[in-house]
Amino acid sequence: MSRKKSEGKAERKRFSAEFKHQALLRAVRDGVPAVARDLGLEPAQLYAWRAKAQQLGEDAETQRLQQSETARLKREVARLEEEVAFLKKAAAYFAKQPK
C-alpha cells in the first residue's frame, strides 16, 4: 500500500510573479480582504507578498541613491584632481620667475 502525497499535507500552491503583481494591484484598488476572498487566498498571504514587494522596492531605491552618490563623488574627485594639477603648474611657473 502506497500513500499519496495529498493524504497527509496539502501541496503548496505556487504562484507566478505576474499573478502576485496583479493580485497586489487589485488589493490596492479593492482592499486586501476582498481580493483574497475572490482569489481564494488568505489575506495574510497577500500582506506577506506586499511586504516583500515593498522591501524589494526599498532595496532598489537605496541602490539607485548609492549609485547616484557614487557618480557625484567621482565627478567631484575628477574636478579636484584637475584643480590640483593646475595649481602644481602655477606653483612651478611662479617658482621659475626671477624676483
C-alpha atoms as a PDB file:
ATOM      1  CA  MET A   1       0.000   0.000   0.000  1.00  0.00           C
ATOM      2  CA  SER A   2       1.408   3.313  -1.016  1.00  0.00           C
ATOM      3  CA  ARG A   3       0.305   6.650   0.307  1.00  0.00           C
ATOM      4  CA  LYS A   4      -0.417   9.620  -1.850  1.00  0.00           C
ATOM      5  CA  LYS A   5       1.070  12.991  -1.046  1.00  0.00           C
ATOM      6  CA  SER A   6      -2.373  14.514  -0.825  1.00  0.00           C
ATOM      7  CA  GLU A   7      -3.414  12.303   2.115  1.00  0.00           C
ATOM      8  CA  GLY A   8      -1.006  13.957   4.586  1.00  0.00           C
ATOM      9  CA  LYS A   9      -0.269  17.589   3.993  1.00  0.00           C
ATOM     10  CA  ALA A  10      -1.791  19.635   1.251  1.00  0.00           C
ATOM     11  CA  GLU A  11       0.593  20.626  -1.511  1.00  0.00           C
ATOM     12  CA  ARG A  12       1.636  24.246  -1.557  1.00  0.00           C
ATOM     13  CA  LYS A  13       0.345  26.262  -4.437  1.00  0.00           C
ATOM     14  CA  ARG A  14       2.961  28.159  -6.380  1.00  0.00           C
ATOM     15  CA  PHE A  15       2.021  31.490  -7.901  1.00  0.00           C
ATOM     16  CA  SER A  16       3.842  33.310 -10.659  1.00  0.00           C
ATOM     17  CA  ALA A  17       5.357  36.728 -10.122  1.00  0.00           C
ATOM     18  CA  GLU A  18       2.825  38.162 -12.585  1.00  0.00           C
ATOM     19  CA  PHE A  19      -0.080  36.689 -10.614  1.00  0.00           C
ATOM     20  CA  LYS A  20       1.285  38.158  -7.388  1.00  0.00           C
ATOM     21  CA  HIS A  21       1.788  41.555  -9.026  1.00  0.00           C
ATOM     22  CA  GLN A  22      -1.763  41.601 -10.407  1.00  0.00           C
ATOM     23  CA  ALA A  23      -3.186  40.472  -7.071  1.00  0.00           C
ATOM     24  CA  LEU A  24      -1.331  43.279  -5.269  1.00  0.00           C
ATOM     25  CA  LEU A  25      -2.582  45.848  -7.765  1.00  0.00           C
ATOM     26  CA  ARG A  26      -6.148  44.650  -7.174  1.00  0.00           C
ATOM     27  CA  ALA A  27      -5.561  44.711  -3.418  1.00  0.00           C
ATOM     28  CA  VAL A  28      -4.603  48.382  -3.611  1.00  0.00           C
ATOM     29  CA  ARG A  29      -7.753  49.149  -5.573  1.00  0.00           C
ATOM     30  CA  ASP A  30     -10.295  46.851  -3.881  1.00  0.00           C
ATOM     31  CA  GLY A  31      -8.749  46.046  -0.495  1.00  0.00           C
ATOM     32  CA  VAL A  32      -6.849  43.001   0.677  1.00  0.00           C
ATOM     33  CA  PRO A  33      -9.717  41.040   2.261  1.00  0.00           C
ATOM     34  CA  ALA A  34     -11.946  41.308  -0.827  1.00  0.00           C
ATOM     35  CA  VAL A  35      -9.180  40.309  -3.237  1.00  0.00           C
ATOM     36  CA  ALA A  36      -8.075  37.432  -1.021  1.00  0.00           C
ATOM     37  CA  ARG A  37     -11.641  36.139  -0.884  1.00  0.00           C
ATOM     38  CA  ASP A  38     -12.039  36.463  -4.695  1.00  0.00           C
ATOM     39  CA  LEU A  39      -8.787  34.660  -5.412  1.00  0.00           C
ATOM     40  CA  GLY A  40      -9.207  32.000  -2.731  1.00  0.00           C
ATOM     41  CA  LEU A  41      -6.190  33.155  -0.752  1.00  0.00           C
ATOM     42  CA  GLU A  42      -5.598  34.031   2.859  1.00  0.00           C
ATOM     43  CA  PRO A  43      -5.308  37.777   3.495  1.00  0.00           C
ATOM     44  CA  ALA A  44      -2.053  37.116   5.364  1.00  0.00           C
ATOM     45  CA  GLN A  45      -0.587  35.757   2.148  1.00  0.00           C
ATOM     46  CA  LEU A  46      -1.348  38.979   0.303  1.00  0.00           C
ATOM     47  CA  TYR A  47       0.059  41.037   3.165  1.00  0.00           C
ATOM     48  CA  ALA A  48       3.262  38.973   3.037  1.00  0.00           C
ATOM     49  CA  TRP A  49       3.555  39.481  -0.731  1.00  0.00           C
ATOM     50  CA  ARG A  50       3.029  43.215  -0.241  1.00  0.00           C
ATOM     51  CA  ALA A  51       5.702  43.420   2.477  1.00  0.00           C
ATOM     52  CA  LYS A  52       8.193  41.548   0.293  1.00  0.00           C
ATOM     53  CA  ALA A  53       7.455  43.793  -2.692  1.00  0.00           C
ATOM     54  CA  GLN A  54       7.941  46.905  -0.563  1.00  0.00           C
ATOM     55  CA  GLN A  55      11.211  45.580   0.799  1.00  0.00           C
ATOM     56  CA  LEU A  56      12.491  44.860  -2.705  1.00  0.00           C
ATOM     57  CA  GLY A  57      11.406  48.305  -3.823  1.00  0.00           C
ATOM     58  CA  GLU A  58      13.232  49.968  -0.942  1.00  0.00           C
ATOM     59  CA  ASP A  59      16.370  47.978  -1.722  1.00  0.00           C
ATOM     60  CA  ALA A  60      16.250  49.110  -5.331  1.00  0.00           C
ATOM     61  CA  GLU A  61      15.705  52.725  -4.281  1.00  0.00           C
ATOM     62  CA  THR A  62      18.628  52.553  -1.860  1.00  0.00           C
ATOM     63  CA  GLN A  63      20.822  51.089  -4.575  1.00  0.00           C
ATOM     64  CA  ARG A  64      19.852  53.877  -7.013  1.00  0.00           C
ATOM     65  CA  LEU A  65      20.659  56.510  -4.392  1.00  0.00           C
ATOM     66  CA  GLN A  66      24.043  54.949  -3.706  1.00  0.00           C
ATOM     67  CA  GLN A  67      24.847  54.807  -7.422  1.00  0.00           C
ATOM     68  CA  SER A  68      23.949  58.452  -7.929  1.00  0.00           C
ATOM     69  CA  GLU A  69      26.030  59.463  -4.897  1.00  0.00           C
ATOM     70  CA  THR A  70      28.983  57.442  -6.193  1.00  0.00           C
ATOM     71  CA  ALA A  71      28.729  59.119  -9.595  1.00  0.00           C
ATOM     72  CA  ARG A  72      28.581  62.565  -7.961  1.00  0.00           C
ATOM     73  CA  LEU A  73      31.634  61.803  -5.849  1.00  0.00           C
ATOM     74  CA  LYS A  74      33.578  60.547  -8.887  1.00  0.00           C
ATOM     75  CA  ARG A  75      32.829  63.795 -10.711  1.00  0.00           C
ATOM     76  CA  GLU A  76      33.981  65.770  -7.662  1.00  0.00           C
ATOM     77  CA  VAL A  77      37.232  63.769  -7.452  1.00  0.00           C
ATOM     78  CA  ALA A  78      37.937  64.414 -11.146  1.00  0.00           C
ATOM     79  CA  ARG A  79      37.324  68.155 -10.694  1.00  0.00           C
ATOM     80  CA  LEU A  80      39.618  68.308  -7.667  1.00  0.00           C
ATOM     81  CA  GLU A  81      42.360  66.377  -9.482  1.00  0.00           C
ATOM     82  CA  GLU A  82      42.227  68.922 -12.334  1.00  0.00           C
ATOM     83  CA  GLU A  83      42.428  71.733  -9.792  1.00  0.00           C
ATOM     84  CA  VAL A  84      45.476  70.190  -8.092  1.00  0.00           C
ATOM     85  CA  ALA A  85      47.207  69.703 -11.452  1.00  0.00           C
ATOM     86  CA  PHE A  86      46.570  73.357 -12.351  1.00  0.00           C
ATOM     87  CA  LEU A  87      47.895  74.568  -9.005  1.00  0.00           C
ATOM     88  CA  LYS A  88      51.065  72.467  -9.391  1.00  0.00           C
ATOM     89  CA  LYS A  89      51.694  74.041 -12.801  1.00  0.00           C
ATOM     90  CA  ALA A  90      51.080  77.523 -11.401  1.00  0.00           C
ATOM     91  CA  ALA A  91      53.433  76.901  -8.478  1.00  0.00           C
ATOM     92  CA  ALA A  92      56.155  75.661 -10.837  1.00  0.00           C
ATOM     93  CA  TYR A  93      55.676  78.722 -13.083  1.00  0.00           C
ATOM     94  CA  PHE A  94      55.961  81.206 -10.210  1.00  0.00           C
ATOM     95  CA  ALA A  95      58.937  79.351  -8.739  1.00  0.00           C
ATOM     96  CA  LYS A  96      60.869  79.866 -12.021  1.00  0.00           C
ATOM     97  CA  GLN A  97      60.226  83.616 -12.234  1.00  0.00           C
ATOM     98  CA  PRO A  98      63.120  85.786 -11.144  1.00  0.00           C
ATOM     99  CA  LYS A  99      62.492  88.122  -8.239  1.00  0.00           C
END
